[in-house]
PDB file of N, CA and C in Angstrom:
ATOM      1  N   MET A   1     -24.058  35.749  70.457  1.00  0.00           N
ATOM      2  CA  MET A   1     -23.970  34.349  70.777  1.00  0.00           C
ATOM      3  C   MET A   1     -25.298  33.712  70.539  1.00  0.00           C
ATOM      4  N   VAL A   2     -26.359  34.329  71.114  1.00  0.00           N
ATOM      5  CA  VAL A   2     -27.601  33.822  71.116  1.00  0.00           C
ATOM      6  C   VAL A   2     -28.216  33.844  69.480  1.00  0.00           C
ATOM      7  N   GLU A   3     -27.813  35.007  68.853  1.00  0.00           N
ATOM      8  CA  GLU A   3     -28.128  35.161  67.517  1.00  0.00           C
ATOM      9  C   GLU A   3     -27.566  34.091  66.592  1.00  0.00           C
ATOM     10  N   GLN A   4     -26.293  33.773  66.877  1.00  0.00           N
ATOM     11  CA  GLN A   4     -25.620  32.598  66.030  1.00  0.00           C
ATOM     12  C   GLN A   4     -26.275  31.375  66.316  1.00  0.00           C
ATOM     13  N   GLN A   5     -26.761  31.007  67.604  1.00  0.00           N
ATOM     14  CA  GLN A   5     -27.409  29.753  67.873  1.00  0.00           C
ATOM     15  C   GLN A   5     -28.738  29.825  67.134  1.00  0.00           C
ATOM     16  N   GLN A   6     -29.512  30.873  67.177  1.00  0.00           N
ATOM     17  CA  GLN A   6     -30.811  30.940  66.483  1.00  0.00           C
ATOM     18  C   GLN A   6     -30.579  30.680  64.942  1.00  0.00           C
ATOM     19  N   ARG A   7     -29.577  31.367  64.333  1.00  0.00           N
ATOM     20  CA  ARG A   7     -29.357  31.127  62.890  1.00  0.00           C
ATOM     21  C   ARG A   7     -28.963  29.732  62.685  1.00  0.00           C
ATOM     22  N   LYS A   8     -28.118  29.158  63.399  1.00  0.00           N
ATOM     23  CA  LYS A   8     -27.765  27.751  63.264  1.00  0.00           C
ATOM     24  C   LYS A   8     -28.964  26.875  63.402  1.00  0.00           C
ATOM     25  N   ASN A   9     -29.907  27.047  64.236  1.00  0.00           N
ATOM     26  CA  ASN A   9     -31.094  26.351  64.426  1.00  0.00           C
ATOM     27  C   ASN A   9     -31.939  26.467  63.184  1.00  0.00           C
ATOM     28  N   ALA A  10     -32.142  27.801  62.724  1.00  0.00           N
ATOM     29  CA  ALA A  10     -32.837  27.949  61.575  1.00  0.00           C
ATOM     30  C   ALA A  10     -32.310  27.318  60.429  1.00  0.00           C
ATOM     31  N   ASP A  11     -31.044  27.316  60.219  1.00  0.00           N
ATOM     32  CA  ASP A  11     -30.413  26.534  59.094  1.00  0.00           C
ATOM     33  C   ASP A  11     -30.719  25.124  59.048  1.00  0.00           C
ATOM     34  N   GLN A  12     -30.671  24.487  60.426  1.00  0.00           N
ATOM     35  CA  GLN A  12     -30.773  23.100  60.578  1.00  0.00           C
ATOM     36  C   GLN A  12     -32.389  22.701  60.184  1.00  0.00           C
ATOM     37  N   VAL A  13     -33.316  23.621  60.646  1.00  0.00           N
ATOM     38  CA  VAL A  13     -34.703  23.385  60.308  1.00  0.00           C
ATOM     39  C   VAL A  13     -34.937  23.407  58.857  1.00  0.00           C
ATOM     40  N   GLY A  14     -34.450  24.461  58.173  1.00  0.00           N
ATOM     41  CA  GLY A  14     -34.513  24.496  56.691  1.00  0.00           C
ATOM     42  C   GLY A  14     -33.894  23.323  55.968  1.00  0.00           C
ATOM     43  N   GLU A  15     -32.828  22.921  56.462  1.00  0.00           N
ATOM     44  CA  GLU A  15     -32.083  21.746  55.811  1.00  0.00           C
ATOM     45  C   GLU A  15     -32.930  20.423  55.984  1.00  0.00           C
ATOM     46  N   THR A  16     -33.501  20.307  57.182  1.00  0.00           N
ATOM     47  CA  THR A  16     -34.371  19.141  57.449  1.00  0.00           C
ATOM     48  C   THR A  16     -35.571  19.174  56.583  1.00  0.00           C
ATOM     49  N   ARG A  17     -36.204  20.435  56.430  1.00  0.00           N
ATOM     50  CA  ARG A  17     -37.478  20.506  55.658  1.00  0.00           C
ATOM     51  C   ARG A  17     -37.029  20.244  54.122  1.00  0.00           C
ATOM     52  N   ARG A  18     -35.840  20.764  53.695  1.00  0.00           N
ATOM     53  CA  ARG A  18     -35.578  20.318  52.224  1.00  0.00           C
ATOM     54  C   ARG A  18     -35.220  18.909  52.142  1.00  0.00           C
ATOM     55  N   HIS A  19     -34.689  18.298  53.056  1.00  0.00           N
ATOM     56  CA  HIS A  19     -34.375  16.764  53.041  1.00  0.00           C
ATOM     57  C   HIS A  19     -35.769  16.035  53.038  1.00  0.00           C
ATOM     58  N   ARG A  20     -36.647  16.380  53.890  1.00  0.00           N
ATOM     59  CA  ARG A  20     -37.891  15.654  53.868  1.00  0.00           C
ATOM     60  C   ARG A  20     -38.782  15.851  52.564  1.00  0.00           C
ATOM     61  N   ALA A  21     -38.677  17.207  52.103  1.00  0.00           N
ATOM     62  CA  ALA A  21     -39.418  17.384  50.784  1.00  0.00           C
ATOM     63  C   ALA A  21     -38.862  16.696  49.621  1.00  0.00           C
ATOM     64  N   GLY A  22     -37.466  16.513  49.646  1.00  0.00           N
ATOM     65  CA  GLY A  22     -36.756  15.710  48.630  1.00  0.00           C
ATOM     66  C   GLY A  22     -37.252  14.303  48.677  1.00  0.00           C
ATOM     67  N   ILE A  23     -37.240  13.804  49.860  1.00  0.00           N
ATOM     68  CA  ILE A  23     -37.747  12.222  50.023  1.00  0.00           C
ATOM     69  C   ILE A  23     -39.102  12.094  49.497  1.00  0.00           C
ATOM     70  N   ALA A  24     -40.048  12.956  49.838  1.00  0.00           N
ATOM     71  CA  ALA A  24     -41.411  12.917  49.473  1.00  0.00           C
ATOM     72  C   ALA A  24     -41.539  13.084  47.897  1.00  0.00           C
ATOM     73  N   ALA A  25     -40.723  13.916  47.328  1.00  0.00           N
ATOM     74  CA  ALA A  25     -40.751  14.183  45.966  1.00  0.00           C
ATOM     75  C   ALA A  25     -40.287  12.901  45.144  1.00  0.00           C
ATOM     76  N   PHE A  26     -39.198  12.311  45.691  1.00  0.00           N
ATOM     77  CA  PHE A  26     -38.686  11.143  45.052  1.00  0.00           C
ATOM     78  C   PHE A  26     -39.692  10.016  45.161  1.00  0.00           C
ATOM     79  N   PHE A  27     -40.168   9.679  46.314  1.00  0.00           N
ATOM     80  CA  PHE A  27     -41.161   8.556  46.391  1.00  0.00           C
ATOM     81  C   PHE A  27     -42.422   8.929  45.618  1.00  0.00           C
ATOM     82  N   GLY A  28     -42.982  10.077  45.722  1.00  0.00           N
ATOM     83  CA  GLY A  28     -44.146  10.501  44.979  1.00  0.00           C
ATOM     84  C   GLY A  28     -43.924  10.312  43.473  1.00  0.00           C
ATOM     85  N   CYS A  29     -42.911  10.734  42.839  1.00  0.00           N
ATOM     86  CA  CYS A  29     -42.668  10.531  41.406  1.00  0.00           C
ATOM     87  C   CYS A  29     -42.413   9.103  41.119  1.00  0.00           C
ATOM     88  N   LEU A  30     -41.693   8.405  41.985  1.00  0.00           N
ATOM     89  CA  LEU A  30     -41.332   6.981  41.705  1.00  0.00           C
ATOM     90  C   LEU A  30     -42.715   6.206  41.616  1.00  0.00           C
ATOM     91  N   VAL A  31     -43.684   6.454  42.484  1.00  0.00           N
ATOM     92  CA  VAL A  31     -45.014   5.707  42.584  1.00  0.00           C
ATOM     93  C   VAL A  31     -45.759   6.048  41.331  1.00  0.00           C
ATOM     94  N   ALA A  32     -45.720   7.459  41.003  1.00  0.00           N
ATOM     95  CA  ALA A  32     -46.562   7.861  39.966  1.00  0.00           C
ATOM     96  C   ALA A  32     -46.014   7.207  38.578  1.00  0.00           C
ATOM     97  N   THR A  33     -44.691   7.108  38.345  1.00  0.00           N
ATOM     98  CA  THR A  33     -44.054   6.655  37.305  1.00  0.00           C
ATOM     99  C   THR A  33     -44.530   5.162  37.109  1.00  0.00           C
ATOM    100  N   LEU A  34     -44.377   4.465  38.215  1.00  0.00           N
ATOM    101  CA  LEU A  34     -44.625   2.969  38.216  1.00  0.00           C
ATOM    102  C   LEU A  34     -46.123   2.800  37.770  1.00  0.00           C
ATOM    103  N   ALA A  35     -46.951   3.689  38.446  1.00  0.00           N
ATOM    104  CA  ALA A  35     -48.432   3.540  38.198  1.00  0.00           C
ATOM    105  C   ALA A  35     -48.710   3.916  36.671  1.00  0.00           C
ATOM    106  N   PHE A  36     -48.016   4.862  36.179  1.00  0.00           N
ATOM    107  CA  PHE A  36     -48.120   5.167  34.696  1.00  0.00           C
ATOM    108  C   PHE A  36     -47.793   3.885  33.857  1.00  0.00           C
ATOM    109  N   PHE A  37     -46.685   3.324  34.090  1.00  0.00           N
ATOM    110  CA  PHE A  37     -46.212   2.130  33.324  1.00  0.00           C
ATOM    111  C   PHE A  37     -47.209   0.997  33.564  1.00  0.00           C
ATOM    112  N   ALA A  38     -47.881   0.859  34.768  1.00  0.00           N
ATOM    113  CA  ALA A  38     -48.692  -0.283  35.164  1.00  0.00           C
ATOM    114  C   ALA A  38     -50.083  -0.175  34.503  1.00  0.00           C
ATOM    115  N   PHE A  39     -50.665   1.215  34.436  1.00  0.00           N
ATOM    116  CA  PHE A  39     -52.020   1.330  34.224  1.00  0.00           C
ATOM    117  C   PHE A  39     -52.314   2.145  32.913  1.00  0.00           C
ATOM    118  N   CYS A  40     -51.275   2.661  32.154  1.00  0.00           N
ATOM    119  CA  CYS A  40     -51.547   3.444  31.017  1.00  0.00           C
ATOM    120  C   CYS A  40     -52.151   2.622  29.882  1.00  0.00           C
ATOM    121  N   PRO A  41     -53.163   2.831  29.176  1.00  0.00           N
ATOM    122  CA  PRO A  41     -53.629   2.114  28.168  1.00  0.00           C
ATOM    123  C   PRO A  41     -52.660   2.130  27.075  1.00  0.00           C
ATOM    124  N   GLY A  42     -52.579   1.044  26.294  1.00  0.00           N
ATOM    125  CA  GLY A  42     -51.646   1.065  25.172  1.00  0.00           C
ATOM    126  C   GLY A  42     -50.248   0.516  25.494  1.00  0.00           C
ATOM    127  N   LEU A  43     -49.942   0.437  26.839  1.00  0.00           N
ATOM    128  CA  LEU A  43     -48.570  -0.126  27.134  1.00  0.00           C
ATOM    129  C   LEU A  43     -48.889  -1.433  27.786  1.00  0.00           C
ATOM    130  N   PRO A  44     -47.936  -2.333  27.563  1.00  0.00           N
ATOM    131  CA  PRO A  44     -47.915  -3.620  28.167  1.00  0.00           C
ATOM    132  C   PRO A  44     -48.064  -3.432  29.764  1.00  0.00           C
ATOM    133  N   HIS A  45     -48.995  -4.175  30.307  1.00  0.00           N
ATOM    134  CA  HIS A  45     -49.111  -3.901  31.858  1.00  0.00           C
ATOM    135  C   HIS A  45     -48.094  -4.820  32.674  1.00  0.00           C
ATOM    136  N   VAL A  46     -46.901  -4.548  32.417  1.00  0.00           N
ATOM    137  CA  VAL A  46     -45.835  -5.324  33.083  1.00  0.00           C
ATOM    138  C   VAL A  46     -44.766  -4.365  33.533  1.00  0.00           C
ATOM    139  N   ILE A  47     -44.408  -4.430  34.773  1.00  0.00           N
ATOM    140  CA  ILE A  47     -43.351  -3.689  35.369  1.00  0.00           C
ATOM    141  C   ILE A  47     -42.008  -4.501  35.282  1.00  0.00           C
ATOM    142  N   ASP A  48     -41.192  -4.094  34.254  1.00  0.00           N
ATOM    143  CA  ASP A  48     -40.013  -4.751  34.080  1.00  0.00           C
ATOM    144  C   ASP A  48     -38.851  -3.828  34.580  1.00  0.00           C
ATOM    145  N   TRP A  49     -37.647  -4.351  34.452  1.00  0.00           N
ATOM    146  CA  TRP A  49     -36.516  -3.512  34.915  1.00  0.00           C
ATOM    147  C   TRP A  49     -36.349  -2.161  34.251  1.00  0.00           C
ATOM    148  N   GLY A  50     -36.721  -2.044  33.038  1.00  0.00           N
ATOM    149  CA  GLY A  50     -36.654  -0.768  32.399  1.00  0.00           C
ATOM    150  C   GLY A  50     -37.723   0.259  33.063  1.00  0.00           C
ATOM    151  N   ALA A  51     -38.728  -0.140  33.421  1.00  0.00           N
ATOM    152  CA  ALA A  51     -39.789   0.643  34.059  1.00  0.00           C
ATOM    153  C   ALA A  51     -39.338   1.100  35.484  1.00  0.00           C
ATOM    154  N   VAL A  52     -38.679   0.120  36.021  1.00  0.00           N
ATOM    155  CA  VAL A  52     -38.163   0.377  37.473  1.00  0.00           C
ATOM    156  C   VAL A  52     -37.051   1.474  37.373  1.00  0.00           C
ATOM    157  N   LEU A  53     -36.125   1.174  36.482  1.00  0.00           N
ATOM    158  CA  LEU A  53     -35.001   2.206  36.237  1.00  0.00           C
ATOM    159  C   LEU A  53     -35.533   3.599  35.754  1.00  0.00           C
ATOM    160  N   ALA A  54     -36.482   3.514  35.097  1.00  0.00           N
ATOM    161  CA  ALA A  54     -37.098   4.908  34.608  1.00  0.00           C
ATOM    162  C   ALA A  54     -37.798   5.483  35.749  1.00  0.00           C
ATOM    163  N   ALA A  55     -38.414   4.836  36.512  1.00  0.00           N
ATOM    164  CA  ALA A  55     -39.146   5.385  37.802  1.00  0.00           C
ATOM    165  C   ALA A  55     -38.121   5.935  38.812  1.00  0.00           C
ATOM    166  N   ILE A  56     -36.985   5.310  38.908  1.00  0.00           N
ATOM    167  CA  ILE A  56     -35.922   5.755  39.853  1.00  0.00           C
ATOM    168  C   ILE A  56     -35.382   6.925  39.322  1.00  0.00           C
ATOM    169  N   ALA A  57     -35.027   7.058  37.894  1.00  0.00           N
ATOM    170  CA  ALA A  57     -34.532   8.213  37.347  1.00  0.00           C
ATOM    171  C   ALA A  57     -35.456   9.402  37.408  1.00  0.00           C
ATOM    172  N   VAL A  58     -36.670   9.160  37.270  1.00  0.00           N
ATOM    173  CA  VAL A  58     -37.808  10.325  37.305  1.00  0.00           C
ATOM    174  C   VAL A  58     -37.773  10.703  38.856  1.00  0.00           C
ATOM    175  N   GLY A  59     -37.822   9.879  39.767  1.00  0.00           N
ATOM    176  CA  GLY A  59     -37.822  10.270  41.125  1.00  0.00           C
ATOM    177  C   GLY A  59     -36.541  10.999  41.605  1.00  0.00           C
ATOM    178  N   ALA A  60     -35.405  10.633  41.127  1.00  0.00           N
ATOM    179  CA  ALA A  60     -34.167  11.345  41.346  1.00  0.00           C
ATOM    180  C   ALA A  60     -34.181  12.635  40.717  1.00  0.00           C
ATOM    181  N   LEU A  61     -34.669  12.829  39.618  1.00  0.00           N
ATOM    182  CA  LEU A  61     -34.776  14.182  39.039  1.00  0.00           C
ATOM    183  C   LEU A  61     -35.810  15.000  39.783  1.00  0.00           C
ATOM    184  N   ALA A  62     -36.868  14.422  40.129  1.00  0.00           N
ATOM    185  CA  ALA A  62     -37.914  15.261  40.959  1.00  0.00           C
ATOM    186  C   ALA A  62     -37.220  15.652  42.283  1.00  0.00           C
ATOM    187  N   ARG A  63     -36.504  14.800  42.960  1.00  0.00           N
ATOM    188  CA  ARG A  63     -35.725  15.041  44.183  1.00  0.00           C
ATOM    189  C   ARG A  63     -34.845  16.183  44.038  1.00  0.00           C
ATOM    190  N   TRP A  64     -34.108  16.062  43.037  1.00  0.00           N
ATOM    191  CA  TRP A  64     -33.051  17.146  42.681  1.00  0.00           C
ATOM    192  C   TRP A  64     -33.668  18.518  42.477  1.00  0.00           C
ATOM    193  N   SER A  65     -34.692  18.529  41.688  1.00  0.00           N
ATOM    194  CA  SER A  65     -35.416  19.838  41.312  1.00  0.00           C
ATOM    195  C   SER A  65     -36.182  20.375  42.513  1.00  0.00           C
ATOM    196  N   CYS A  66     -36.752  19.554  43.338  1.00  0.00           N
ATOM    197  CA  CYS A  66     -37.288  20.036  44.547  1.00  0.00           C
ATOM    198  C   CYS A  66     -36.460  20.772  45.467  1.00  0.00           C
ATOM    199  N   GLN A  67     -35.326  19.963  45.667  1.00  0.00           N
ATOM    200  CA  GLN A  67     -34.319  20.457  46.635  1.00  0.00           C
ATOM    201  C   GLN A  67     -33.648  21.764  46.135  1.00  0.00           C
ATOM    202  N   SER A  68     -33.342  21.918  44.909  1.00  0.00           N
ATOM    203  CA  SER A  68     -32.705  23.053  44.256  1.00  0.00           C
ATOM    204  C   SER A  68     -33.690  24.287  44.287  1.00  0.00           C
ATOM    205  N   TRP A  69     -34.995  23.949  44.018  1.00  0.00           N
ATOM    206  CA  TRP A  69     -36.052  25.031  44.090  1.00  0.00           C
ATOM    207  C   TRP A  69     -36.088  25.596  45.518  1.00  0.00           C
ATOM    208  N   MET A  70     -36.172  24.644  46.554  1.00  0.00           N
ATOM    209  CA  MET A  70     -36.338  25.040  47.920  1.00  0.00           C
ATOM    210  C   MET A  70     -35.129  25.783  48.337  1.00  0.00           C
ATOM    211  N   ALA A  71     -33.894  25.405  47.920  1.00  0.00           N
ATOM    212  CA  ALA A  71     -32.671  26.191  48.281  1.00  0.00           C
ATOM    213  C   ALA A  71     -32.568  27.499  47.753  1.00  0.00           C
ATOM    214  N   ARG A  72     -33.120  27.593  46.515  1.00  0.00           N
ATOM    215  CA  ARG A  72     -33.167  28.932  45.802  1.00  0.00           C
ATOM    216  C   ARG A  72     -34.147  29.922  46.417  1.00  0.00           C
ATOM    217  N   ARG A  73     -35.231  29.352  46.853  1.00  0.00           N
ATOM    218  CA  ARG A  73     -36.371  30.187  47.475  1.00  0.00           C
ATOM    219  C   ARG A  73     -35.756  30.609  48.863  1.00  0.00           C
ATOM    220  N   ALA A  74     -35.013  29.681  49.514  1.00  0.00           N
ATOM    221  CA  ALA A  74     -34.397  30.129  50.896  1.00  0.00           C
ATOM    222  C   ALA A  74     -33.460  31.257  50.738  1.00  0.00           C
ATOM    223  N   ARG A  75     -32.618  31.137  49.718  1.00  0.00           N
ATOM    224  CA  ARG A  75     -31.590  32.247  49.467  1.00  0.00           C
ATOM    225  C   ARG A  75     -32.358  33.678  49.095  1.00  0.00           C
ATOM    226  N   GLU A  76     -33.488  33.556  48.461  1.00  0.00           N
ATOM    227  CA  GLU A  76     -34.134  34.764  48.047  1.00  0.00           C
ATOM    228  C   GLU A  76     -35.051  35.384  49.126  1.00  0.00           C
ATOM    229  N   ALA A  77     -35.336  34.434  50.102  1.00  0.00           N
ATOM    230  CA  ALA A  77     -36.307  34.960  51.130  1.00  0.00           C
ATOM    231  C   ALA A  77     -35.503  36.075  52.100  1.00  0.00           C
ATOM    232  N   PRO A  78     -36.363  37.041  52.509  1.00  0.00           N
ATOM    233  CA  PRO A  78     -35.818  37.979  53.441  1.00  0.00           C
ATOM    234  C   PRO A  78     -35.362  37.312  54.700  1.00  0.00           C
ATOM    235  N   GLU A  79     -34.242  37.899  55.280  1.00  0.00           N
ATOM    236  CA  GLU A  79     -33.600  37.250  56.382  1.00  0.00           C
ATOM    237  C   GLU A  79     -34.584  37.113  57.681  1.00  0.00           C
ATOM    238  N   GLY A  80     -35.578  38.023  57.852  1.00  0.00           N
ATOM    239  CA  GLY A  80     -36.528  38.056  58.936  1.00  0.00           C
ATOM    240  C   GLY A  80     -37.511  36.902  58.828  1.00  0.00           C
ATOM    241  N   LEU A  81     -37.806  36.390  57.760  1.00  0.00           N
ATOM    242  CA  LEU A  81     -38.831  35.329  57.597  1.00  0.00           C
ATOM    243  C   LEU A  81     -38.345  33.996  57.741  1.00  0.00           C
TER     244      LEU A  81
END
């Protein structure tokens, strides 16, 4: 009974950690992409809807890749750690 409760708590902690890392990856890449479009030499220094949509797409891709990487690492990790 206690072991099941501890495993459930560990799963919730891991899920919370993956969720927070996904949010951080999304916003980090969103800001980085918008900064690229705003400050990269040779590009017009205008943030238009295309740049916003591209930044959202890059952020979503970063979130997905971060969460899938963390889930894969959690499955590969030994049970005791």
